[in-house]
Amino acid sequence: MGTHSARRDPGRRRIPSHCELEQETGGAVSRRTIKSAIEVLQSEGLVQGVQGKGVFVIAKPD
């Protein structure tokens, strides 16, 4: 990840937790599928997980 930390940049938006996203879909999307999607976003540098804080948007797609 980059040198910028989501902890030091309060302007970054936190995305809902795996559980919150699962509830929003009414259980239509499994927590495992949501976790996999977030992992893809992390690998593409679009979000960053901060332990104990959540997952934050760090980049806009082109």
N, C-alpha and C. Protein backbone atom coordinates (compact mmCIF):
# COMPACT_ATOMS: atom_id res chain seq x y z
N MET A 1 0.83 -1.17 0.00
CA MET A 1 0.00 0.00 0.00
C MET A 1 0.88 1.24 0.00
N GLY A 2 0.25 2.38 -0.26
CA GLY A 2 0.99 3.63 -0.31
C GLY A 2 1.40 4.10 1.07
N THR A 3 2.08 5.24 1.08
CA THR A 3 2.55 5.77 2.35
C THR A 3 1.46 6.51 3.11
N HIS A 4 0.34 6.81 2.44
CA HIS A 4 -0.75 7.50 3.11
C HIS A 4 -1.59 6.49 3.88
N SER A 5 -1.97 6.84 5.07
CA SER A 5 -2.77 5.96 5.89
C SER A 5 -4.18 6.51 6.01
N ALA A 6 -5.17 5.63 5.94
CA ALA A 6 -6.56 6.06 6.11
C ALA A 6 -6.77 6.65 7.50
N ARG A 7 -5.95 6.25 8.46
CA ARG A 7 -6.07 6.78 9.82
C ARG A 7 -5.74 8.26 9.86
N ARG A 8 -4.83 8.71 9.01
CA ARG A 8 -4.39 10.10 9.03
C ARG A 8 -5.17 10.96 8.07
N ASP A 9 -6.08 10.38 7.31
CA ASP A 9 -6.83 11.13 6.30
C ASP A 9 -8.32 10.98 6.56
N PRO A 10 -8.87 11.84 7.42
CA PRO A 10 -10.28 11.69 7.76
C PRO A 10 -11.22 11.94 6.59
N GLY A 11 -10.72 12.44 5.45
CA GLY A 11 -11.56 12.67 4.28
C GLY A 11 -11.90 11.40 3.54
N ARG A 12 -11.23 10.33 3.85
CA ARG A 12 -11.52 9.06 3.18
C ARG A 12 -12.80 8.47 3.73
N ARG A 13 -13.57 7.89 2.83
CA ARG A 13 -14.86 7.32 3.22
C ARG A 13 -14.73 5.85 3.57
N ARG A 14 -15.33 5.46 4.69
CA ARG A 14 -15.36 4.05 5.09
C ARG A 14 -16.51 3.38 4.36
N ILE A 15 -16.25 2.20 3.83
CA ILE A 15 -17.33 1.44 3.22
C ILE A 15 -17.96 0.56 4.30
N PRO A 16 -19.21 0.15 4.12
CA PRO A 16 -19.86 -0.69 5.12
C PRO A 16 -19.10 -2.01 5.34
N SER A 17 -19.26 -2.57 6.53
CA SER A 17 -18.61 -3.84 6.86
C SER A 17 -19.22 -4.97 6.04
N HIS A 18 -18.54 -6.12 6.06
CA HIS A 18 -19.04 -7.31 5.36
C HIS A 18 -20.46 -7.61 5.83
N CYS A 19 -20.66 -7.58 7.14
CA CYS A 19 -21.96 -7.89 7.73
C CYS A 19 -23.02 -6.87 7.30
N GLU A 20 -22.66 -5.59 7.32
CA GLU A 20 -23.60 -4.54 6.91
C GLU A 20 -23.99 -4.71 5.44
N LEU A 21 -23.01 -5.04 4.60
CA LEU A 21 -23.30 -5.23 3.18
C LEU A 21 -24.19 -6.45 2.96
N GLU A 22 -23.93 -7.50 3.72
CA GLU A 22 -24.76 -8.70 3.60
C GLU A 22 -26.21 -8.38 3.99
N GLN A 23 -26.38 -7.60 5.06
CA GLN A 23 -27.72 -7.22 5.49
C GLN A 23 -28.40 -6.33 4.46
N GLU A 24 -27.64 -5.41 3.86
CA GLU A 24 -28.21 -4.52 2.85
C GLU A 24 -28.74 -5.28 1.64
N THR A 25 -28.13 -6.42 1.34
CA THR A 25 -28.59 -7.22 0.20
C THR A 25 -29.65 -8.23 0.61
N GLY A 26 -30.05 -8.19 1.88
CA GLY A 26 -31.05 -9.13 2.36
C GLY A 26 -30.56 -10.56 2.34
N GLY A 27 -29.25 -10.74 2.41
CA GLY A 27 -28.67 -12.08 2.39
C GLY A 27 -28.53 -12.66 0.99
N ALA A 28 -28.88 -11.89 -0.04
CA ALA A 28 -28.78 -12.38 -1.41
C ALA A 28 -27.33 -12.56 -1.85
N VAL A 29 -26.42 -11.83 -1.20
CA VAL A 29 -24.99 -11.94 -1.49
C VAL A 29 -24.31 -12.42 -0.22
N SER A 30 -23.56 -13.51 -0.31
CA SER A 30 -22.93 -14.07 0.88
C SER A 30 -21.78 -13.20 1.37
N ARG A 31 -21.49 -13.34 2.65
CA ARG A 31 -20.39 -12.59 3.25
C ARG A 31 -19.06 -12.96 2.57
N ARG A 32 -18.91 -14.22 2.17
CA ARG A 32 -17.69 -14.67 1.49
C ARG A 32 -17.54 -13.95 0.14
N THR A 33 -18.63 -13.80 -0.60
CA THR A 33 -18.59 -13.10 -1.89
C THR A 33 -18.23 -11.64 -1.68
N ILE A 34 -18.80 -11.03 -0.65
CA ILE A 34 -18.49 -9.63 -0.33
C ILE A 34 -17.02 -9.49 0.03
N LYS A 35 -16.52 -10.42 0.86
CA LYS A 35 -15.10 -10.40 1.26
C LYS A 35 -14.21 -10.51 0.03
N SER A 36 -14.55 -11.40 -0.89
CA SER A 36 -13.76 -11.57 -2.11
C SER A 36 -13.76 -10.30 -2.95
N ALA A 37 -14.92 -9.65 -3.05
CA ALA A 37 -15.01 -8.41 -3.83
C ALA A 37 -14.15 -7.32 -3.22
N ILE A 38 -14.17 -7.21 -1.89
CA ILE A 38 -13.34 -6.21 -1.22
C ILE A 38 -11.86 -6.51 -1.41
N GLU A 39 -11.50 -7.79 -1.39
CA GLU A 39 -10.11 -8.18 -1.64
C GLU A 39 -9.66 -7.76 -3.04
N VAL A 40 -10.55 -7.89 -4.03
CA VAL A 40 -10.23 -7.44 -5.39
C VAL A 40 -10.00 -5.93 -5.40
N LEU A 41 -10.90 -5.19 -4.74
CA LEU A 41 -10.73 -3.73 -4.67
C LEU A 41 -9.42 -3.35 -4.00
N GLN A 42 -9.03 -4.09 -2.96
CA GLN A 42 -7.75 -3.84 -2.30
C GLN A 42 -6.58 -4.13 -3.22
N SER A 43 -6.66 -5.23 -3.95
CA SER A 43 -5.55 -5.59 -4.85
C SER A 43 -5.40 -4.59 -5.99
N GLU A 44 -6.50 -3.91 -6.34
CA GLU A 44 -6.46 -2.90 -7.39
C GLU A 44 -6.13 -1.51 -6.85
N GLY A 45 -5.90 -1.41 -5.53
CA GLY A 45 -5.51 -0.14 -4.93
C GLY A 45 -6.64 0.86 -4.78
N LEU A 46 -7.87 0.39 -4.76
CA LEU A 46 -9.01 1.29 -4.66
C LEU A 46 -9.49 1.49 -3.22
N VAL A 47 -9.25 0.49 -2.37
CA VAL A 47 -9.62 0.58 -0.96
C VAL A 47 -8.46 0.07 -0.11
N GLN A 48 -8.49 0.46 1.17
CA GLN A 48 -7.46 0.03 2.11
C GLN A 48 -8.13 -0.37 3.41
N GLY A 49 -7.79 -1.56 3.91
CA GLY A 49 -8.30 -2.01 5.19
C GLY A 49 -7.42 -1.51 6.31
N VAL A 50 -8.04 -1.01 7.37
CA VAL A 50 -7.32 -0.55 8.55
C VAL A 50 -7.87 -1.36 9.72
N GLN A 51 -7.03 -2.21 10.30
CA GLN A 51 -7.48 -3.11 11.35
C GLN A 51 -8.16 -2.34 12.48
N GLY A 52 -9.34 -2.80 12.84
CA GLY A 52 -10.10 -2.19 13.91
C GLY A 52 -10.86 -0.94 13.52
N LYS A 53 -10.67 -0.47 12.29
CA LYS A 53 -11.32 0.76 11.83
C LYS A 53 -12.27 0.52 10.67
N GLY A 54 -11.92 -0.38 9.76
CA GLY A 54 -12.76 -0.65 8.61
C GLY A 54 -11.98 -0.60 7.31
N VAL A 55 -12.72 -0.52 6.22
CA VAL A 55 -12.14 -0.45 4.88
C VAL A 55 -12.50 0.92 4.31
N PHE A 56 -11.49 1.60 3.77
CA PHE A 56 -11.65 2.97 3.31
C PHE A 56 -11.34 3.11 1.83
N VAL A 57 -12.10 3.94 1.15
CA VAL A 57 -11.86 4.26 -0.26
C VAL A 57 -10.60 5.12 -0.31
N ILE A 58 -9.63 4.73 -1.15
CA ILE A 58 -8.40 5.50 -1.24
C ILE A 58 -8.11 6.01 -2.64
N ALA A 59 -8.90 5.58 -3.62
CA ALA A 59 -8.65 6.02 -4.99
C ALA A 59 -9.94 6.01 -5.77
N LYS A 60 -10.01 6.91 -6.74
CA LYS A 60 -11.16 6.92 -7.65
C LYS A 60 -10.79 6.13 -8.90
N PRO A 61 -11.71 5.31 -9.42
CA PRO A 61 -11.39 4.59 -10.66
C PRO A 61 -11.26 5.57 -11.82
N ASP A 62 -10.42 5.22 -12.77
CA ASP A 62 -10.22 6.08 -13.96
C ASP A 62 -11.41 6.05 -14.87
